[in-house]
Amino acid sequence: MGLLALGGCAATPPTASLAQARDAIATAEQAEAGRYAPGELSAARAHLASADTAVSAQNMNTAQRLAEESTADAEFATAKTADIKANAVNNDMKRSTATLIDEMQRSAGVQQ
């Protein structure tokens, strides 16, 4: 009787986790993770595809785990993308600041 109860619970697809993984992948795609973190985004997609396969095979525990891994991969891709973009902006600001300093020093030298 107890095994039947456990079997019934295990047969419920992890729809919330699958939806969360799909949303996380969509967010990563919108953030341009395909350009900046393609490996992580590919891993997220692969884990989601495997989770869907596990659901089809009625292996809901595996599907749940894979959906969670997909979400983690997609969130990592989004974070990595944000980090790369922030570093690029920071580097641009450093170059701009260096250019301004050079111009100020040249102007100060001309006036003297």
PDB file of N, CA and C in Angstrom:
ATOM      1  N   MET A   1       0.826  -1.183   0.000  1.00  0.00           N
ATOM      2  CA  MET A   1       0.000   0.000   0.000  1.00  0.00           C
ATOM      3  C   MET A   1       0.875   1.255   0.000  1.00  0.00           C
ATOM      4  N   GLY A   2       1.925   1.261   0.834  1.00  0.00           N
ATOM      5  CA  GLY A   2       2.834   2.406   0.900  1.00  0.00           C
ATOM      6  C   GLY A   2       3.552   2.629  -0.419  1.00  0.00           C
ATOM      7  N   LEU A   3       3.935   1.554  -1.111  1.00  0.00           N
ATOM      8  CA  LEU A   3       4.600   1.687  -2.399  1.00  0.00           C
ATOM      9  C   LEU A   3       3.671   2.275  -3.449  1.00  0.00           C
ATOM     10  N   LEU A   4       2.408   1.924  -3.367  1.00  0.00           N
ATOM     11  CA  LEU A   4       1.441   2.496  -4.296  1.00  0.00           C
ATOM     12  C   LEU A   4       1.319   3.995  -4.095  1.00  0.00           C
ATOM     13  N   ALA A   5       1.317   4.424  -2.850  1.00  0.00           N
ATOM     14  CA  ALA A   5       1.212   5.851  -2.551  1.00  0.00           C
ATOM     15  C   ALA A   5       2.442   6.590  -3.065  1.00  0.00           C
ATOM     16  N   LEU A   6       3.610   6.011  -2.853  1.00  0.00           N
ATOM     17  CA  LEU A   6       4.837   6.635  -3.344  1.00  0.00           C
ATOM     18  C   LEU A   6       4.868   6.654  -4.863  1.00  0.00           C
ATOM     19  N   GLY A   7       4.424   5.598  -5.476  1.00  0.00           N
ATOM     20  CA  GLY A   7       4.390   5.524  -6.925  1.00  0.00           C
ATOM     21  C   GLY A   7       3.462   6.572  -7.512  1.00  0.00           C
ATOM     22  N   GLY A   8       2.351   6.816  -6.871  1.00  0.00           N
ATOM     23  CA  GLY A   8       1.415   7.830  -7.341  1.00  0.00           C
ATOM     24  C   GLY A   8       2.002   9.219  -7.261  1.00  0.00           C
ATOM     25  N   CYS A   9       2.741   9.519  -6.202  1.00  0.00           N
ATOM     26  CA  CYS A   9       3.373  10.832  -6.053  1.00  0.00           C
ATOM     27  C   CYS A   9       4.481  11.018  -7.080  1.00  0.00           C
ATOM     28  N   ALA A  10       5.219   9.942  -7.320  1.00  0.00           N
ATOM     29  CA  ALA A  10       6.347  10.030  -8.225  1.00  0.00           C
ATOM     30  C   ALA A  10       5.900  10.201  -9.676  1.00  0.00           C
ATOM     31  N   ALA A  11       4.639   9.852  -9.981  1.00  0.00           N
ATOM     32  CA  ALA A  11       4.154   9.928 -11.358  1.00  0.00           C
ATOM     33  C   ALA A  11       3.698  11.336 -11.737  1.00  0.00           C
ATOM     34  N   THR A  12       3.739  12.282 -10.805  1.00  0.00           N
ATOM     35  CA  THR A  12       3.328  13.642 -11.097  1.00  0.00           C
ATOM     36  C   THR A  12       4.489  14.392 -11.738  1.00  0.00           C
ATOM     37  N   PRO A  13       4.292  14.876 -12.955  1.00  0.00           N
ATOM     38  CA  PRO A  13       5.384  15.608 -13.612  1.00  0.00           C
ATOM     39  C   PRO A  13       5.737  16.887 -12.841  1.00  0.00           C
ATOM     40  N   PRO A  14       7.005  17.227 -12.816  1.00  0.00           N
ATOM     41  CA  PRO A  14       7.444  18.442 -12.121  1.00  0.00           C
ATOM     42  C   PRO A  14       7.197  19.683 -12.986  1.00  0.00           C
ATOM     43  N   THR A  15       5.935  19.967 -13.239  1.00  0.00           N
ATOM     44  CA  THR A  15       5.588  21.035 -14.184  1.00  0.00           C
ATOM     45  C   THR A  15       6.127  22.394 -13.746  1.00  0.00           C
ATOM     46  N   ALA A  16       6.097  22.678 -12.456  1.00  0.00           N
ATOM     47  CA  ALA A  16       6.603  23.971 -11.978  1.00  0.00           C
ATOM     48  C   ALA A  16       8.104  24.091 -12.229  1.00  0.00           C
ATOM     49  N   SER A  17       8.834  23.034 -11.967  1.00  0.00           N
ATOM     50  CA  SER A  17      10.289  23.068 -12.195  1.00  0.00           C
ATOM     51  C   SER A  17      10.620  23.165 -13.677  1.00  0.00           C
ATOM     52  N   LEU A  18       9.852  22.477 -14.508  1.00  0.00           N
ATOM     53  CA  LEU A  18      10.069  22.550 -15.951  1.00  0.00           C
ATOM     54  C   LEU A  18       9.769  23.955 -16.466  1.00  0.00           C
ATOM     55  N   ALA A  19       8.699  24.548 -15.979  1.00  0.00           N
ATOM     56  CA  ALA A  19       8.347  25.920 -16.384  1.00  0.00           C
ATOM     57  C   ALA A  19       9.410  26.906 -15.922  1.00  0.00           C
ATOM     58  N   GLN A  20       9.905  26.705 -14.716  1.00  0.00           N
ATOM     59  CA  GLN A  20      10.953  27.589 -14.193  1.00  0.00           C
ATOM     60  C   GLN A  20      12.213  27.474 -15.050  1.00  0.00           C
ATOM     61  N   ALA A  21      12.548  26.269 -15.471  1.00  0.00           N
ATOM     62  CA  ALA A  21      13.722  26.074 -16.330  1.00  0.00           C
ATOM     63  C   ALA A  21      13.521  26.767 -17.677  1.00  0.00           C
ATOM     64  N   ARG A  22      12.336  26.624 -18.250  1.00  0.00           N
ATOM     65  CA  ARG A  22      12.058  27.283 -19.535  1.00  0.00           C
ATOM     66  C   ARG A  22      12.147  28.807 -19.398  1.00  0.00           C
ATOM     67  N   ASP A  23      11.605  29.323 -18.308  1.00  0.00           N
ATOM     68  CA  ASP A  23      11.666  30.770 -18.064  1.00  0.00           C
ATOM     69  C   ASP A  23      13.113  31.241 -17.896  1.00  0.00           C
ATOM     70  N   ALA A  24      13.906  30.466 -17.165  1.00  0.00           N
ATOM     71  CA  ALA A  24      15.312  30.835 -16.943  1.00  0.00           C
ATOM     72  C   ALA A  24      16.083  30.822 -18.262  1.00  0.00           C
ATOM     73  N   ILE A  25      15.785  29.863 -19.128  1.00  0.00           N
ATOM     74  CA  ILE A  25      16.441  29.811 -20.437  1.00  0.00           C
ATOM     75  C   ILE A  25      16.020  31.007 -21.282  1.00  0.00           C
ATOM     76  N   ALA A  26      14.745  31.340 -21.260  1.00  0.00           N
ATOM     77  CA  ALA A  26      14.259  32.505 -22.015  1.00  0.00           C
ATOM     78  C   ALA A  26      14.930  33.786 -21.527  1.00  0.00           C
ATOM     79  N   THR A  27      15.079  33.916 -20.217  1.00  0.00           N
ATOM     80  CA  THR A  27      15.751  35.086 -19.648  1.00  0.00           C
ATOM     81  C   THR A  27      17.209  35.140 -20.102  1.00  0.00           C
ATOM     82  N   ALA A  28      17.866  34.000 -20.087  1.00  0.00           N
ATOM     83  CA  ALA A  28      19.269  33.943 -20.526  1.00  0.00           C
ATOM     84  C   ALA A  28      19.379  34.306 -22.003  1.00  0.00           C
ATOM     85  N   GLU A  29      18.448  33.827 -22.806  1.00  0.00           N
ATOM     86  CA  GLU A  29      18.481  34.162 -24.236  1.00  0.00           C
ATOM     87  C   GLU A  29      18.276  35.657 -24.452  1.00  0.00           C
ATOM     88  N   GLN A  30      17.367  36.256 -23.703  1.00  0.00           N
ATOM     89  CA  GLN A  30      17.125  37.697 -23.825  1.00  0.00           C
ATOM     90  C   GLN A  30      18.342  38.506 -23.384  1.00  0.00           C
ATOM     91  N   ALA A  31      19.118  37.963 -22.467  1.00  0.00           N
ATOM     92  CA  ALA A  31      20.320  38.650 -21.978  1.00  0.00           C
ATOM     93  C   ALA A  31      21.516  38.448 -22.915  1.00  0.00           C
ATOM     94  N   GLU A  32      21.314  37.720 -24.008  1.00  0.00           N
ATOM     95  CA  GLU A  32      22.358  37.428 -24.992  1.00  0.00           C
ATOM     96  C   GLU A  32      23.377  36.402 -24.496  1.00  0.00           C
ATOM     97  N   ALA A  33      22.915  35.461 -23.686  1.00  0.00           N
ATOM     98  CA  ALA A  33      23.814  34.418 -23.191  1.00  0.00           C
ATOM     99  C   ALA A  33      24.335  33.541 -24.322  1.00  0.00           C
ATOM    100  N   GLY A  34      23.580  33.443 -25.403  1.00  0.00           N
ATOM    101  CA  GLY A  34      24.061  32.674 -26.547  1.00  0.00           C
ATOM    102  C   GLY A  34      25.354  33.234 -27.111  1.00  0.00           C
ATOM    103  N   ARG A  35      25.560  34.530 -26.934  1.00  0.00           N
ATOM    104  CA  ARG A  35      26.789  35.190 -27.400  1.00  0.00           C
ATOM    105  C   ARG A  35      27.887  35.160 -26.353  1.00  0.00           C
ATOM    106  N   TYR A  36      27.518  35.369 -25.094  1.00  0.00           N
ATOM    107  CA  TYR A  36      28.509  35.541 -24.031  1.00  0.00           C
ATOM    108  C   TYR A  36      28.742  34.289 -23.173  1.00  0.00           C
ATOM    109  N   ALA A  37      27.771  33.396 -23.114  1.00  0.00           N
ATOM    110  CA  ALA A  37      27.900  32.179 -22.310  1.00  0.00           C
ATOM    111  C   ALA A  37      27.249  30.999 -23.037  1.00  0.00           C
ATOM    112  N   PRO A  38      27.727  30.713 -24.255  1.00  0.00           N
ATOM    113  CA  PRO A  38      27.070  29.678 -25.046  1.00  0.00           C
ATOM    114  C   PRO A  38      27.140  28.271 -24.441  1.00  0.00           C
ATOM    115  N   GLY A  39      28.235  27.967 -23.785  1.00  0.00           N
ATOM    116  CA  GLY A  39      28.369  26.641 -23.178  1.00  0.00           C
ATOM    117  C   GLY A  39      27.360  26.412 -22.067  1.00  0.00           C
ATOM    118  N   GLU A  40      27.207  27.409 -21.230  1.00  0.00           N
ATOM    119  CA  GLU A  40      26.269  27.302 -20.112  1.00  0.00           C
ATOM    120  C   GLU A  40      24.824  27.247 -20.618  1.00  0.00           C
ATOM    121  N   LEU A  41      24.526  28.047 -21.637  1.00  0.00           N
ATOM    122  CA  LEU A  41      23.179  28.038 -22.204  1.00  0.00           C
ATOM    123  C   LEU A  41      22.889  26.695 -22.876  1.00  0.00           C
ATOM    124  N   SER A  42      23.871  26.151 -23.563  1.00  0.00           N
ATOM    125  CA  SER A  42      23.698  24.826 -24.178  1.00  0.00           C
ATOM    126  C   SER A  42      23.459  23.751 -23.124  1.00  0.00           C
ATOM    127  N   ALA A  43      24.175  23.847 -22.022  1.00  0.00           N
ATOM    128  CA  ALA A  43      23.983  22.874 -20.933  1.00  0.00           C
ATOM    129  C   ALA A  43      22.562  22.983 -20.371  1.00  0.00           C
ATOM    130  N   ALA A  44      22.079  24.210 -20.236  1.00  0.00           N
ATOM    131  CA  ALA A  44      20.712  24.409 -19.735  1.00  0.00           C
ATOM    132  C   ALA A  44      19.700  23.778 -20.672  1.00  0.00           C
ATOM    133  N   ARG A  45      19.878  24.003 -21.958  1.00  0.00           N
ATOM    134  CA  ARG A  45      18.960  23.417 -22.946  1.00  0.00           C
ATOM    135  C   ARG A  45      19.029  21.894 -22.937  1.00  0.00           C
ATOM    136  N   ALA A  46      20.242  21.354 -22.822  1.00  0.00           N
ATOM    137  CA  ALA A  46      20.409  19.899 -22.809  1.00  0.00           C
ATOM    138  C   ALA A  46      19.758  19.285 -21.583  1.00  0.00           C
ATOM    139  N   HIS A  47      19.934  19.920 -20.427  1.00  0.00           N
ATOM    140  CA  HIS A  47      19.301  19.399 -19.210  1.00  0.00           C
ATOM    141  C   HIS A  47      17.781  19.461 -19.317  1.00  0.00           C
ATOM    142  N   LEU A  48      17.261  20.530 -19.922  1.00  0.00           N
ATOM    143  CA  LEU A  48      15.806  20.632 -20.092  1.00  0.00           C
ATOM    144  C   LEU A  48      15.296  19.553 -21.036  1.00  0.00           C
ATOM    145  N   ALA A  49      16.001  19.323 -22.119  1.00  0.00           N
ATOM    146  CA  ALA A  49      15.600  18.268 -23.058  1.00  0.00           C
ATOM    147  C   ALA A  49      15.627  16.904 -22.368  1.00  0.00           C
ATOM    148  N   SER A  50      16.649  16.668 -21.557  1.00  0.00           N
ATOM    149  CA  SER A  50      16.734  15.406 -20.809  1.00  0.00           C
ATOM    150  C   SER A  50      15.611  15.299 -19.788  1.00  0.00           C
ATOM    151  N   ALA A  51      15.242  16.422 -19.180  1.00  0.00           N
ATOM    152  CA  ALA A  51      14.134  16.414 -18.226  1.00  0.00           C
ATOM    153  C   ALA A  51      12.827  16.059 -18.930  1.00  0.00           C
ATOM    154  N   ASP A  52      12.620  16.619 -20.118  1.00  0.00           N
ATOM    155  CA  ASP A  52      11.421  16.283 -20.889  1.00  0.00           C
ATOM    156  C   ASP A  52      11.400  14.801 -21.255  1.00  0.00           C
ATOM    157  N   THR A  53      12.552  14.270 -21.607  1.00  0.00           N
ATOM    158  CA  THR A  53      12.660  12.841 -21.920  1.00  0.00           C
ATOM    159  C   THR A  53      12.353  11.996 -20.689  1.00  0.00           C
ATOM    160  N   ALA A  54      12.842  12.433 -19.537  1.00  0.00           N
ATOM    161  CA  ALA A  54      12.579  11.697 -18.297  1.00  0.00           C
ATOM    162  C   ALA A  54      11.092  11.705 -17.961  1.00  0.00           C
ATOM    163  N   VAL A  55      10.413  12.805 -18.224  1.00  0.00           N
ATOM    164  CA  VAL A  55       8.964  12.863 -17.998  1.00  0.00           C
ATOM    165  C   VAL A  55       8.270  11.855 -18.898  1.00  0.00           C
ATOM    166  N   SER A  56       8.686  11.802 -20.157  1.00  0.00           N
ATOM    167  CA  SER A  56       8.090  10.847 -21.098  1.00  0.00           C
ATOM    168  C   SER A  56       8.314   9.408 -20.646  1.00  0.00           C
ATOM    169  N   ALA A  57       9.442   9.175 -20.004  1.00  0.00           N
ATOM    170  CA  ALA A  57       9.773   7.841 -19.506  1.00  0.00           C
ATOM    171  C   ALA A  57       9.184   7.579 -18.121  1.00  0.00           C
ATOM    172  N   GLN A  58       8.397   8.525 -17.627  1.00  0.00           N
ATOM    173  CA  GLN A  58       7.762   8.418 -16.307  1.00  0.00           C
ATOM    174  C   GLN A  58       8.781   8.355 -15.170  1.00  0.00           C
ATOM    175  N   ASN A  59       9.939   8.957 -15.353  1.00  0.00           N
ATOM    176  CA  ASN A  59      10.963   9.013 -14.317  1.00  0.00           C
ATOM    177  C   ASN A  59      10.969  10.436 -13.760  1.00  0.00           C
ATOM    178  N   MET A  60      10.010  10.690 -12.881  1.00  0.00           N
ATOM    179  CA  MET A  60       9.765  12.059 -12.421  1.00  0.00           C
ATOM    180  C   MET A  60      10.846  12.591 -11.495  1.00  0.00           C
ATOM    181  N   ASN A  61      11.465  11.718 -10.708  1.00  0.00           N
ATOM    182  CA  ASN A  61      12.548  12.189  -9.832  1.00  0.00           C
ATOM    183  C   ASN A  61      13.723  12.704 -10.662  1.00  0.00           C
ATOM    184  N   THR A  62      14.061  11.964 -11.699  1.00  0.00           N
ATOM    185  CA  THR A  62      15.136  12.386 -12.592  1.00  0.00           C
ATOM    186  C   THR A  62      14.739  13.663 -13.324  1.00  0.00           C
ATOM    187  N   ALA A  63      13.494  13.732 -13.766  1.00  0.00           N
ATOM    188  CA  ALA A  63      13.009  14.929 -14.457  1.00  0.00           C
ATOM    189  C   ALA A  63      13.118  16.152 -13.559  1.00  0.00           C
ATOM    190  N   GLN A  64      12.751  15.993 -12.300  1.00  0.00           N
ATOM    191  CA  GLN A  64      12.834  17.096 -11.341  1.00  0.00           C
ATOM    192  C   GLN A  64      14.277  17.579 -11.195  1.00  0.00           C
ATOM    193  N   ARG A  65      15.182  16.630 -11.004  1.00  0.00           N
ATOM    194  CA  ARG A  65      16.601  16.972 -10.833  1.00  0.00           C
ATOM    195  C   ARG A  65      17.151  17.661 -12.075  1.00  0.00           C
ATOM    196  N   LEU A  66      16.837  17.132 -13.238  1.00  0.00           N
ATOM    197  CA  LEU A  66      17.335  17.719 -14.478  1.00  0.00           C
ATOM    198  C   LEU A  66      16.744  19.102 -14.732  1.00  0.00           C
ATOM    199  N   ALA A  67      15.488  19.297 -14.389  1.00  0.00           N
ATOM    200  CA  ALA A  67      14.874  20.624 -14.538  1.00  0.00           C
ATOM    201  C   ALA A  67      15.570  21.628 -13.626  1.00  0.00           C
ATOM    202  N   GLU A  68      15.888  21.207 -12.415  1.00  0.00           N
ATOM    203  CA  GLU A  68      16.597  22.099 -11.486  1.00  0.00           C
ATOM    204  C   GLU A  68      18.005  22.407 -11.995  1.00  0.00           C
ATOM    205  N   GLU A  69      18.675  21.410 -12.572  1.00  0.00           N
ATOM    206  CA  GLU A  69      20.005  21.639 -13.139  1.00  0.00           C
ATOM    207  C   GLU A  69      19.917  22.591 -14.332  1.00  0.00           C
ATOM    208  N   SER A  70      18.883  22.451 -15.132  1.00  0.00           N
ATOM    209  CA  SER A  70      18.673  23.346 -16.263  1.00  0.00           C
ATOM    210  C   SER A  70      18.505  24.784 -15.785  1.00  0.00           C
ATOM    211  N   THR A  71      17.703  24.971 -14.758  1.00  0.00           N
ATOM    212  CA  THR A  71      17.495  26.306 -14.200  1.00  0.00           C
ATOM    213  C   THR A  71      18.813  26.886 -13.700  1.00  0.00           C
ATOM    214  N   ALA A  72      19.573  26.084 -12.977  1.00  0.00           N
ATOM    215  CA  ALA A  72      20.862  26.553 -12.448  1.00  0.00           C
ATOM    216  C   ALA A  72      21.814  26.931 -13.584  1.00  0.00           C
ATOM    217  N   ASP A  73      21.868  26.102 -14.629  1.00  0.00           N
ATOM    218  CA  ASP A  73      22.733  26.403 -15.776  1.00  0.00           C
ATOM    219  C   ASP A  73      22.315  27.704 -16.457  1.00  0.00           C
ATOM    220  N   ALA A  74      21.015  27.877 -16.642  1.00  0.00           N
ATOM    221  CA  ALA A  74      20.514  29.083 -17.311  1.00  0.00           C
ATOM    222  C   ALA A  74      20.773  30.325 -16.463  1.00  0.00           C
ATOM    223  N   GLU A  75      20.570  30.208 -15.161  1.00  0.00           N
ATOM    224  CA  GLU A  75      20.837  31.352 -14.282  1.00  0.00           C
ATOM    225  C   GLU A  75      22.323  31.689 -14.268  1.00  0.00           C
ATOM    226  N   PHE A  76      23.165  30.671 -14.314  1.00  0.00           N
ATOM    227  CA  PHE A  76      24.604  30.905 -14.379  1.00  0.00           C
ATOM    228  C   PHE A  76      24.968  31.599 -15.691  1.00  0.00           C
ATOM    229  N   ALA A  77      24.351  31.160 -16.793  1.00  0.00           N
ATOM    230  CA  ALA A  77      24.599  31.796 -18.091  1.00  0.00           C
ATOM    231  C   ALA A  77      24.202  33.269 -18.058  1.00  0.00           C
ATOM    232  N   THR A  78      23.072  33.558 -17.427  1.00  0.00           N
ATOM    233  CA  THR A  78      22.625  34.944 -17.311  1.00  0.00           C
ATOM    234  C   THR A  78      23.603  35.762 -16.480  1.00  0.00           C
ATOM    235  N   ALA A  79      24.036  35.204 -15.365  1.00  0.00           N
ATOM    236  CA  ALA A  79      24.981  35.914 -14.491  1.00  0.00           C
ATOM    237  C   ALA A  79      26.325  36.119 -15.177  1.00  0.00           C
ATOM    238  N   LYS A  80      26.802  35.107 -15.876  1.00  0.00           N
ATOM    239  CA  LYS A  80      28.079  35.222 -16.580  1.00  0.00           C
ATOM    240  C   LYS A  80      27.988  36.292 -17.668  1.00  0.00           C
ATOM    241  N   THR A  81      26.864  36.323 -18.369  1.00  0.00           N
ATOM    242  CA  THR A  81      26.643  37.333 -19.400  1.00  0.00           C
ATOM    243  C   THR A  81      26.656  38.732 -18.798  1.00  0.00           C
ATOM    244  N   ALA A  82      25.951  38.896 -17.696  1.00  0.00           N
ATOM    245  CA  ALA A  82      25.919  40.207 -17.027  1.00  0.00           C
ATOM    246  C   ALA A  82      27.317  40.623 -16.586  1.00  0.00           C
ATOM    247  N   ASP A  83      28.093  39.683 -16.080  1.00  0.00           N
ATOM    248  CA  ASP A  83      29.456  39.975 -15.636  1.00  0.00           C
ATOM    249  C   ASP A  83      30.331  40.412 -16.810  1.00  0.00           C
ATOM    250  N   ILE A  84      30.240  39.701 -17.913  1.00  0.00           N
ATOM    251  CA  ILE A  84      31.041  40.046 -19.085  1.00  0.00           C
ATOM    252  C   ILE A  84      30.661  41.425 -19.605  1.00  0.00           C
ATOM    253  N   LYS A  85      29.352  41.690 -19.662  1.00  0.00           N
ATOM    254  CA  LYS A  85      28.905  43.008 -20.130  1.00  0.00           C
ATOM    255  C   LYS A  85      29.354  44.117 -19.183  1.00  0.00           C
ATOM    256  N   ALA A  86      29.266  43.883 -17.889  1.00  0.00           N
ATOM    257  CA  ALA A  86      29.684  44.890 -16.908  1.00  0.00           C
ATOM    258  C   ALA A  86      31.180  45.157 -17.013  1.00  0.00           C
ATOM    259  N   ASN A  87      31.964  44.116 -17.203  1.00  0.00           N
ATOM    260  CA  ASN A  87      33.407  44.298 -17.367  1.00  0.00           C
ATOM    261  C   ASN A  87      33.721  45.092 -18.629  1.00  0.00           C
ATOM    262  N   ALA A  88      32.973  44.861 -19.693  1.00  0.00           N
ATOM    263  CA  ALA A  88      33.189  45.619 -20.928  1.00  0.00           C
ATOM    264  C   ALA A  88      32.889  47.099 -20.714  1.00  0.00           C
ATOM    265  N   VAL A  89      31.805  47.392 -20.009  1.00  0.00           N
ATOM    266  CA  VAL A  89      31.468  48.789 -19.712  1.00  0.00           C
ATOM    267  C   VAL A  89      32.552  49.409 -18.838  1.00  0.00           C
ATOM    268  N   ASN A  90      33.001  48.674 -17.846  1.00  0.00           N
ATOM    269  CA  ASN A  90      34.046  49.163 -16.955  1.00  0.00           C
ATOM    270  C   ASN A  90      35.329  49.462 -17.733  1.00  0.00           C
ATOM    271  N   ASN A  91      35.692  48.581 -18.638  1.00  0.00           N
ATOM    272  CA  ASN A  91      36.898  48.801 -19.448  1.00  0.00           C
ATOM    273  C   ASN A  91      36.744  50.022 -20.348  1.00  0.00           C
ATOM    274  N   ASP A  92      35.554  50.199 -20.915  1.00  0.00           N
ATOM    275  CA  ASP A  92      35.304  51.393 -21.732  1.00  0.00           C
ATOM    276  C   ASP A  92      35.429  52.663 -20.898  1.00  0.00           C
ATOM    277  N   MET A  93      34.905  52.624 -19.694  1.00  0.00           N
ATOM    278  CA  MET A  93      34.991  53.794 -18.811  1.00  0.00           C
ATOM    279  C   MET A  93      36.440  54.090 -18.446  1.00  0.00           C
ATOM    280  N   LYS A  94      37.228  53.067 -18.202  1.00  0.00           N
ATOM    281  CA  LYS A  94      38.649  53.265 -17.887  1.00  0.00           C
ATOM    282  C   LYS A  94      39.375  53.924 -19.064  1.00  0.00           C
ATOM    283  N   ARG A  95      39.079  53.445 -20.279  1.00  0.00           N
ATOM    284  CA  ARG A  95      39.712  54.036 -21.468  1.00  0.00           C
ATOM    285  C   ARG A  95      39.288  55.489 -21.631  1.00  0.00           C
ATOM    286  N   SER A  96      38.013  55.765 -21.418  1.00  0.00           N
ATOM    287  CA  SER A  96      37.521  57.141 -21.539  1.00  0.00           C
ATOM    288  C   SER A  96      38.169  58.046 -20.504  1.00  0.00           C
ATOM    289  N   THR A  97      38.289  57.556 -19.291  1.00  0.00           N
ATOM    290  CA  THR A  97      38.914  58.331 -18.220  1.00  0.00           C
ATOM    291  C   THR A  97      40.381  58.605 -18.543  1.00  0.00           C
ATOM    292  N   ALA A  98      41.072  57.603 -19.052  1.00  0.00           N
ATOM    293  CA  ALA A  98      42.484  57.774 -19.413  1.00  0.00           C
ATOM    294  C   ALA A  98      42.619  58.810 -20.527  1.00  0.00           C
ATOM    295  N   THR A  99      41.700  58.771 -21.478  1.00  0.00           N
ATOM    296  CA  THR A  99      41.730  59.756 -22.571  1.00  0.00           C
ATOM    297  C   THR A  99      41.491  61.157 -22.033  1.00  0.00           C
ATOM    298  N   LEU A 100      40.536  61.313 -21.138  1.00  0.00           N
ATOM    299  CA  LEU A 100      40.260  62.620 -20.539  1.00  0.00           C
ATOM    300  C   LEU A 100      41.465  63.140 -19.750  1.00  0.00           C
ATOM    301  N   ILE A 101      42.101  62.275 -19.022  1.00  0.00           N
ATOM    302  CA  ILE A 101      43.280  62.672 -18.241  1.00  0.00           C
ATOM    303  C   ILE A 101      44.396  63.131 -19.186  1.00  0.00           C
ATOM    304  N   ASP A 102      44.598  62.378 -20.267  1.00  0.00           N
ATOM    305  CA  ASP A 102      45.620  62.767 -21.249  1.00  0.00           C
ATOM    306  C   ASP A 102      45.306  64.136 -21.843  1.00  0.00           C
ATOM    307  N   GLU A 103      44.054  64.359 -22.208  1.00  0.00           N
ATOM    308  CA  GLU A 103      43.650  65.650 -22.773  1.00  0.00           C
ATOM    309  C   GLU A 103      43.830  66.782 -21.771  1.00  0.00           C
ATOM    310  N   MET A 104      43.491  66.541 -20.529  1.00  0.00           N
ATOM    311  CA  MET A 104      43.651  67.568 -19.493  1.00  0.00           C
ATOM    312  C   MET A 104      45.130  67.901 -19.296  1.00  0.00           C
ATOM    313  N   GLN A 105      45.974  66.882 -19.299  1.00  0.00           N
ATOM    314  CA  GLN A 105      47.402  67.111 -19.128  1.00  0.00           C
ATOM    315  C   GLN A 105      47.984  67.873 -20.314  1.00  0.00           C
ATOM    316  N   ARG A 106      47.522  67.554 -21.529  1.00  0.00           N
ATOM    317  CA  ARG A 106      47.992  68.269 -22.712  1.00  0.00           C
ATOM    318  C   ARG A 106      47.543  69.742 -22.675  1.00  0.00           C
ATOM    319  N   SER A 107      46.286  69.952 -22.264  1.00  0.00           N
ATOM    320  CA  SER A 107      45.771  71.331 -22.164  1.00  0.00           C
ATOM    321  C   SER A 107      46.531  72.109 -21.115  1.00  0.00           C
ATOM    322  N   ALA A 108      46.828  71.481 -20.006  1.00  0.00           N
ATOM    323  CA  ALA A 108      47.575  72.161 -18.934  1.00  0.00           C
ATOM    324  C   ALA A 108      48.991  72.485 -19.406  1.00  0.00           C
ATOM    325  N   GLY A 109      49.578  71.621 -20.187  1.00  0.00           N
ATOM    326  CA  GLY A 109      50.930  71.855 -20.705  1.00  0.00           C
ATOM    327  C   GLY A 109      50.984  72.961 -21.720  1.00  0.00           C
ATOM    328  N   VAL A 110      49.944  73.127 -22.531  1.00  0.00           N
ATOM    329  CA  VAL A 110      49.903  74.172 -23.544  1.00  0.00           C
ATOM    330  C   VAL A 110      49.765  75.540 -22.907  1.00  0.00           C
ATOM    331  N   GLN A 111      48.990  75.647 -21.843  1.00  0.00           N
ATOM    332  CA  GLN A 111      48.737  76.925 -21.201  1.00  0.00           C
ATOM    333  C   GLN A 111      49.951  77.448 -20.452  1.00  0.00           C
ATOM    334  N   GLN A 112      50.819  76.608 -20.021  1.00  0.00           N
ATOM    335  CA  GLN A 112      51.957  77.057 -19.226  1.00  0.00           C
ATOM    336  C   GLN A 112      53.039  77.622 -20.014  1.00  0.00           C
TER     337      GLN A 112
END
